[in-house]
Amino acid sequence: MVWYGMAWHGMVWYGTVRYGNGMVWYGMVWYGMVWYGMVWYGMVWYGMVWYGMVW
């Protein structure tokens, strides 16, 4: 669930919206690895809430 939250929020939203389709991978690596320590709790919460609401 944590990985799913990071992959979706990090790659799709951060990568596509912030940088564009050409920077999707860069967005995922930056948001997923550099900010991983700071947004750990945020990603867990985002993943659980999103998954819970959708399913």
PDB file of N, CA and C in Angstrom:
ATOM      1  N   MET A   1       0.841  -1.199   0.000  1.00  0.00           N
ATOM      2  CA  MET A   1       0.000   0.000   0.000  1.00  0.00           C
ATOM      3  C   MET A   1       0.879   1.254   0.000  1.00  0.00           C
ATOM      4  N   VAL A   2       1.949   1.159   0.732  1.00  0.00           N
ATOM      5  CA  VAL A   2       2.862   2.308   0.766  1.00  0.00           C
ATOM      6  C   VAL A   2       3.468   2.525  -0.614  1.00  0.00           C
ATOM      7  N   TRP A   3       3.919   1.412  -1.216  1.00  0.00           N
ATOM      8  CA  TRP A   3       4.531   1.524  -2.545  1.00  0.00           C
ATOM      9  C   TRP A   3       3.520   2.038  -3.562  1.00  0.00           C
ATOM     10  N   TYR A   4       2.287   1.542  -3.473  1.00  0.00           N
ATOM     11  CA  TYR A   4       1.253   1.951  -4.409  1.00  0.00           C
ATOM     12  C   TYR A   4       0.986   3.450  -4.278  1.00  0.00           C
ATOM     13  N   GLY A   5       0.937   3.909  -3.045  1.00  0.00           N
ATOM     14  CA  GLY A   5       0.703   5.335  -2.818  1.00  0.00           C
ATOM     15  C   GLY A   5       1.837   6.177  -3.375  1.00  0.00           C
ATOM     16  N   MET A   6       3.066   5.714  -3.172  1.00  0.00           N
ATOM     17  CA  MET A   6       4.215   6.455  -3.666  1.00  0.00           C
ATOM     18  C   MET A   6       4.262   6.446  -5.177  1.00  0.00           C
ATOM     19  N   ALA A   7       3.992   5.290  -5.766  1.00  0.00           N
ATOM     20  CA  ALA A   7       4.059   5.183  -7.222  1.00  0.00           C
ATOM     21  C   ALA A   7       3.004   6.071  -7.884  1.00  0.00           C
ATOM     22  N   TRP A   8       1.801   6.038  -7.342  1.00  0.00           N
ATOM     23  CA  TRP A   8       0.724   6.823  -7.946  1.00  0.00           C
ATOM     24  C   TRP A   8       0.931   8.309  -7.703  1.00  0.00           C
ATOM     25  N   HIS A   9       1.059   8.687  -6.477  1.00  0.00           N
ATOM     26  CA  HIS A   9       1.199  10.099  -6.138  1.00  0.00           C
ATOM     27  C   HIS A   9       2.521  10.675  -6.642  1.00  0.00           C
ATOM     28  N   GLY A  10       3.582   9.896  -6.517  1.00  0.00           N
ATOM     29  CA  GLY A  10       4.888  10.385  -6.931  1.00  0.00           C
ATOM     30  C   GLY A  10       5.082  10.442  -8.433  1.00  0.00           C
ATOM     31  N   MET A  11       4.791   9.341  -9.118  1.00  0.00           N
ATOM     32  CA  MET A  11       5.059   9.276 -10.550  1.00  0.00           C
ATOM     33  C   MET A  11       3.970   9.952 -11.373  1.00  0.00           C
ATOM     34  N   VAL A  12       2.729   9.621 -11.116  1.00  0.00           N
ATOM     35  CA  VAL A  12       1.646  10.154 -11.936  1.00  0.00           C
ATOM     36  C   VAL A  12       1.393  11.631 -11.660  1.00  0.00           C
ATOM     37  N   TRP A  13       1.222  11.976 -10.397  1.00  0.00           N
ATOM     38  CA  TRP A  13       0.895  13.372 -10.067  1.00  0.00           C
ATOM     39  C   TRP A  13       2.115  14.281 -10.097  1.00  0.00           C
ATOM     40  N   TYR A  14       3.093  13.957  -9.287  1.00  0.00           N
ATOM     41  CA  TYR A  14       4.292  14.802  -9.191  1.00  0.00           C
ATOM     42  C   TYR A  14       5.063  14.849 -10.513  1.00  0.00           C
ATOM     43  N   GLY A  15       5.265  13.671 -11.105  1.00  0.00           N
ATOM     44  CA  GLY A  15       6.028  13.608 -12.351  1.00  0.00           C
ATOM     45  C   GLY A  15       5.311  14.233 -13.527  1.00  0.00           C
ATOM     46  N   THR A  16       4.062  13.886 -13.717  1.00  0.00           N
ATOM     47  CA  THR A  16       3.333  14.365 -14.892  1.00  0.00           C
ATOM     48  C   THR A  16       2.896  15.812 -14.758  1.00  0.00           C
ATOM     49  N   VAL A  17       2.296  16.139 -13.638  1.00  0.00           N
ATOM     50  CA  VAL A  17       1.764  17.490 -13.460  1.00  0.00           C
ATOM     51  C   VAL A  17       2.863  18.519 -13.275  1.00  0.00           C
ATOM     52  N   ARG A  18       3.822  18.197 -12.436  1.00  0.00           N
ATOM     53  CA  ARG A  18       4.881  19.157 -12.129  1.00  0.00           C
ATOM     54  C   ARG A  18       5.885  19.339 -13.262  1.00  0.00           C
ATOM     55  N   TYR A  19       6.341  18.224 -13.819  1.00  0.00           N
ATOM     56  CA  TYR A  19       7.386  18.293 -14.828  1.00  0.00           C
ATOM     57  C   TYR A  19       6.925  17.973 -16.240  1.00  0.00           C
ATOM     58  N   GLY A  20       5.860  17.213 -16.365  1.00  0.00           N
ATOM     59  CA  GLY A  20       5.415  16.824 -17.689  1.00  0.00           C
ATOM     60  C   GLY A  20       5.698  15.360 -17.949  1.00  0.00           C
ATOM     61  N   ASN A  21       5.113  14.831 -19.013  1.00  0.00           N
ATOM     62  CA  ASN A  21       5.261  13.414 -19.329  1.00  0.00           C
ATOM     63  C   ASN A  21       6.711  12.996 -19.540  1.00  0.00           C
ATOM     64  N   GLY A  22       7.527  13.900 -20.033  1.00  0.00           N
ATOM     65  CA  GLY A  22       8.920  13.568 -20.301  1.00  0.00           C
ATOM     66  C   GLY A  22       9.744  13.408 -19.040  1.00  0.00           C
ATOM     67  N   MET A  23       9.236  13.877 -17.902  1.00  0.00           N
ATOM     68  CA  MET A  23      10.002  13.814 -16.670  1.00  0.00           C
ATOM     69  C   MET A  23       9.330  12.941 -15.623  1.00  0.00           C
ATOM     70  N   VAL A  24       8.533  11.981 -16.078  1.00  0.00           N
ATOM     71  CA  VAL A  24       7.805  11.122 -15.139  1.00  0.00           C
ATOM     72  C   VAL A  24       8.775  10.333 -14.259  1.00  0.00           C
ATOM     73  N   TRP A  25       9.772   9.707 -14.889  1.00  0.00           N
ATOM     74  CA  TRP A  25      10.725   8.899 -14.116  1.00  0.00           C
ATOM     75  C   TRP A  25      11.493   9.769 -13.139  1.00  0.00           C
ATOM     76  N   TYR A  26      11.927  10.911 -13.591  1.00  0.00           N
ATOM     77  CA  TYR A  26      12.677  11.825 -12.712  1.00  0.00           C
ATOM     78  C   TYR A  26      11.818  12.249 -11.534  1.00  0.00           C
ATOM     79  N   GLY A  27      10.562  12.507 -11.818  1.00  0.00           N
ATOM     80  CA  GLY A  27       9.648  12.911 -10.754  1.00  0.00           C
ATOM     81  C   GLY A  27       9.486  11.802  -9.722  1.00  0.00           C
ATOM     82  N   MET A  28       9.376  10.561 -10.179  1.00  0.00           N
ATOM     83  CA  MET A  28       9.184   9.455  -9.262  1.00  0.00           C
ATOM     84  C   MET A  28      10.430   9.242  -8.405  1.00  0.00           C
ATOM     85  N   VAL A  29      11.598   9.290  -9.034  1.00  0.00           N
ATOM     86  CA  VAL A  29      12.843   9.075  -8.300  1.00  0.00           C
ATOM     87  C   VAL A  29      13.052  10.187  -7.276  1.00  0.00           C
ATOM     88  N   TRP A  30      12.844  11.434  -7.678  1.00  0.00           N
ATOM     89  CA  TRP A  30      13.028  12.574  -6.782  1.00  0.00           C
ATOM     90  C   TRP A  30      12.070  12.517  -5.608  1.00  0.00           C
ATOM     91  N   TYR A  31      10.790  12.403  -5.911  1.00  0.00           N
ATOM     92  CA  TYR A  31       9.771  12.405  -4.860  1.00  0.00           C
ATOM     93  C   TYR A  31       9.819  11.143  -4.016  1.00  0.00           C
ATOM     94  N   GLY A  32      10.114  10.019  -4.650  1.00  0.00           N
ATOM     95  CA  GLY A  32      10.110   8.743  -3.933  1.00  0.00           C
ATOM     96  C   GLY A  32      11.343   8.514  -3.083  1.00  0.00           C
ATOM     97  N   MET A  33      12.519   8.983  -3.550  1.00  0.00           N
ATOM     98  CA  MET A  33      13.763   8.700  -2.852  1.00  0.00           C
ATOM     99  C   MET A  33      14.262   9.883  -2.027  1.00  0.00           C
ATOM    100  N   VAL A  34      14.282  11.052  -2.613  1.00  0.00           N
ATOM    101  CA  VAL A  34      14.817  12.218  -1.914  1.00  0.00           C
ATOM    102  C   VAL A  34      13.913  12.624  -0.753  1.00  0.00           C
ATOM    103  N   TRP A  35      12.598  12.643  -1.022  1.00  0.00           N
ATOM    104  CA  TRP A  35      11.651  13.057   0.015  1.00  0.00           C
ATOM    105  C   TRP A  35      11.084  11.884   0.796  1.00  0.00           C
ATOM    106  N   TYR A  36      11.590  10.689   0.552  1.00  0.00           N
ATOM    107  CA  TYR A  36      11.053   9.478   1.177  1.00  0.00           C
ATOM    108  C   TYR A  36      11.045   9.580   2.702  1.00  0.00           C
ATOM    109  N   GLY A  37      12.149  10.062   3.270  1.00  0.00           N
ATOM    110  CA  GLY A  37      12.237  10.179   4.724  1.00  0.00           C
ATOM    111  C   GLY A  37      11.233  11.177   5.294  1.00  0.00           C
ATOM    112  N   MET A  38      10.946  12.231   4.548  1.00  0.00           N
ATOM    113  CA  MET A  38      10.075  13.285   5.054  1.00  0.00           C
ATOM    114  C   MET A  38       8.598  12.984   4.829  1.00  0.00           C
ATOM    115  N   VAL A  39       8.297  12.287   3.755  1.00  0.00           N
ATOM    116  CA  VAL A  39       6.891  12.058   3.419  1.00  0.00           C
ATOM    117  C   VAL A  39       6.437  10.623   3.682  1.00  0.00           C
ATOM    118  N   TRP A  40       7.207   9.885   4.494  1.00  0.00           N
ATOM    119  CA  TRP A  40       6.840   8.502   4.786  1.00  0.00           C
ATOM    120  C   TRP A  40       5.429   8.431   5.349  1.00  0.00           C
ATOM    121  N   TYR A  41       5.167   9.192   6.384  1.00  0.00           N
ATOM    122  CA  TYR A  41       3.854   9.185   7.010  1.00  0.00           C
ATOM    123  C   TYR A  41       2.793   9.688   6.034  1.00  0.00           C
ATOM    124  N   GLY A  42       3.142  10.683   5.265  1.00  0.00           N
ATOM    125  CA  GLY A  42       2.206  11.232   4.291  1.00  0.00           C
ATOM    126  C   GLY A  42       1.824  10.215   3.225  1.00  0.00           C
ATOM    127  N   MET A  43       2.810   9.451   2.751  1.00  0.00           N
ATOM    128  CA  MET A  43       2.527   8.470   1.712  1.00  0.00           C
ATOM    129  C   MET A  43       1.667   7.343   2.257  1.00  0.00           C
ATOM    130  N   VAL A  44       1.934   6.914   3.485  1.00  0.00           N
ATOM    131  CA  VAL A  44       1.145   5.843   4.085  1.00  0.00           C
ATOM    132  C   VAL A  44      -0.301   6.304   4.234  1.00  0.00           C
ATOM    133  N   TRP A  45      -0.481   7.508   4.736  1.00  0.00           N
ATOM    134  CA  TRP A  45      -1.825   8.056   4.918  1.00  0.00           C
ATOM    135  C   TRP A  45      -2.530   8.226   3.584  1.00  0.00           C
ATOM    136  N   TYR A  46      -1.841   8.780   2.615  1.00  0.00           N
ATOM    137  CA  TYR A  46      -2.423   8.982   1.290  1.00  0.00           C
ATOM    138  C   TYR A  46      -2.834   7.650   0.669  1.00  0.00           C
ATOM    139  N   GLY A  47      -1.950   6.666   0.773  1.00  0.00           N
ATOM    140  CA  GLY A  47      -2.230   5.359   0.196  1.00  0.00           C
ATOM    141  C   GLY A  47      -3.439   4.703   0.862  1.00  0.00           C
ATOM    142  N   MET A  48      -3.505   4.774   2.189  1.00  0.00           N
ATOM    143  CA  MET A  48      -4.598   4.142   2.914  1.00  0.00           C
ATOM    144  C   MET A  48      -5.931   4.839   2.648  1.00  0.00           C
ATOM    145  N   VAL A  49      -5.929   6.137   2.668  1.00  0.00           N
ATOM    146  CA  VAL A  49      -7.159   6.895   2.454  1.00  0.00           C
ATOM    147  C   VAL A  49      -7.659   6.708   1.028  1.00  0.00           C
ATOM    148  N   TRP A  50      -6.751   6.847   0.043  1.00  0.00           N
ATOM    149  CA  TRP A  50      -7.153   6.692  -1.364  1.00  0.00           C
ATOM    150  C   TRP A  50      -7.690   5.295  -1.618  1.00  0.00           C
ATOM    151  N   TYR A  51      -6.943   4.304  -1.162  1.00  0.00           N
ATOM    152  CA  TYR A  51      -7.347   2.923  -1.364  1.00  0.00           C
ATOM    153  C   TYR A  51      -8.673   2.642  -0.666  1.00  0.00           C
ATOM    154  N   GLY A  52      -8.821   3.155   0.546  1.00  0.00           N
ATOM    155  CA  GLY A  52     -10.047   2.948   1.291  1.00  0.00           C
ATOM    156  C   GLY A  52     -11.252   3.613   0.637  1.00  0.00           C
ATOM    157  N   MET A  53     -11.059   4.801   0.130  1.00  0.00           N
ATOM    158  CA  MET A  53     -12.165   5.526  -0.478  1.00  0.00           C
ATOM    159  C   MET A  53     -12.580   4.915  -1.811  1.00  0.00           C
ATOM    160  N   VAL A  54     -11.607   4.519  -2.618  1.00  0.00           N
ATOM    161  CA  VAL A  54     -11.911   3.969  -3.932  1.00  0.00           C
ATOM    162  C   VAL A  54     -12.530   2.574  -3.803  1.00  0.00           C
ATOM    163  N   TRP A  55     -11.944   1.754  -2.933  1.00  0.00           N
ATOM    164  CA  TRP A  55     -12.434   0.392  -2.777  1.00  0.00           C
ATOM    165  C   TRP A  55     -13.366   0.280  -1.581  1.00  0.00           C
TER     166      TRP A  55
END
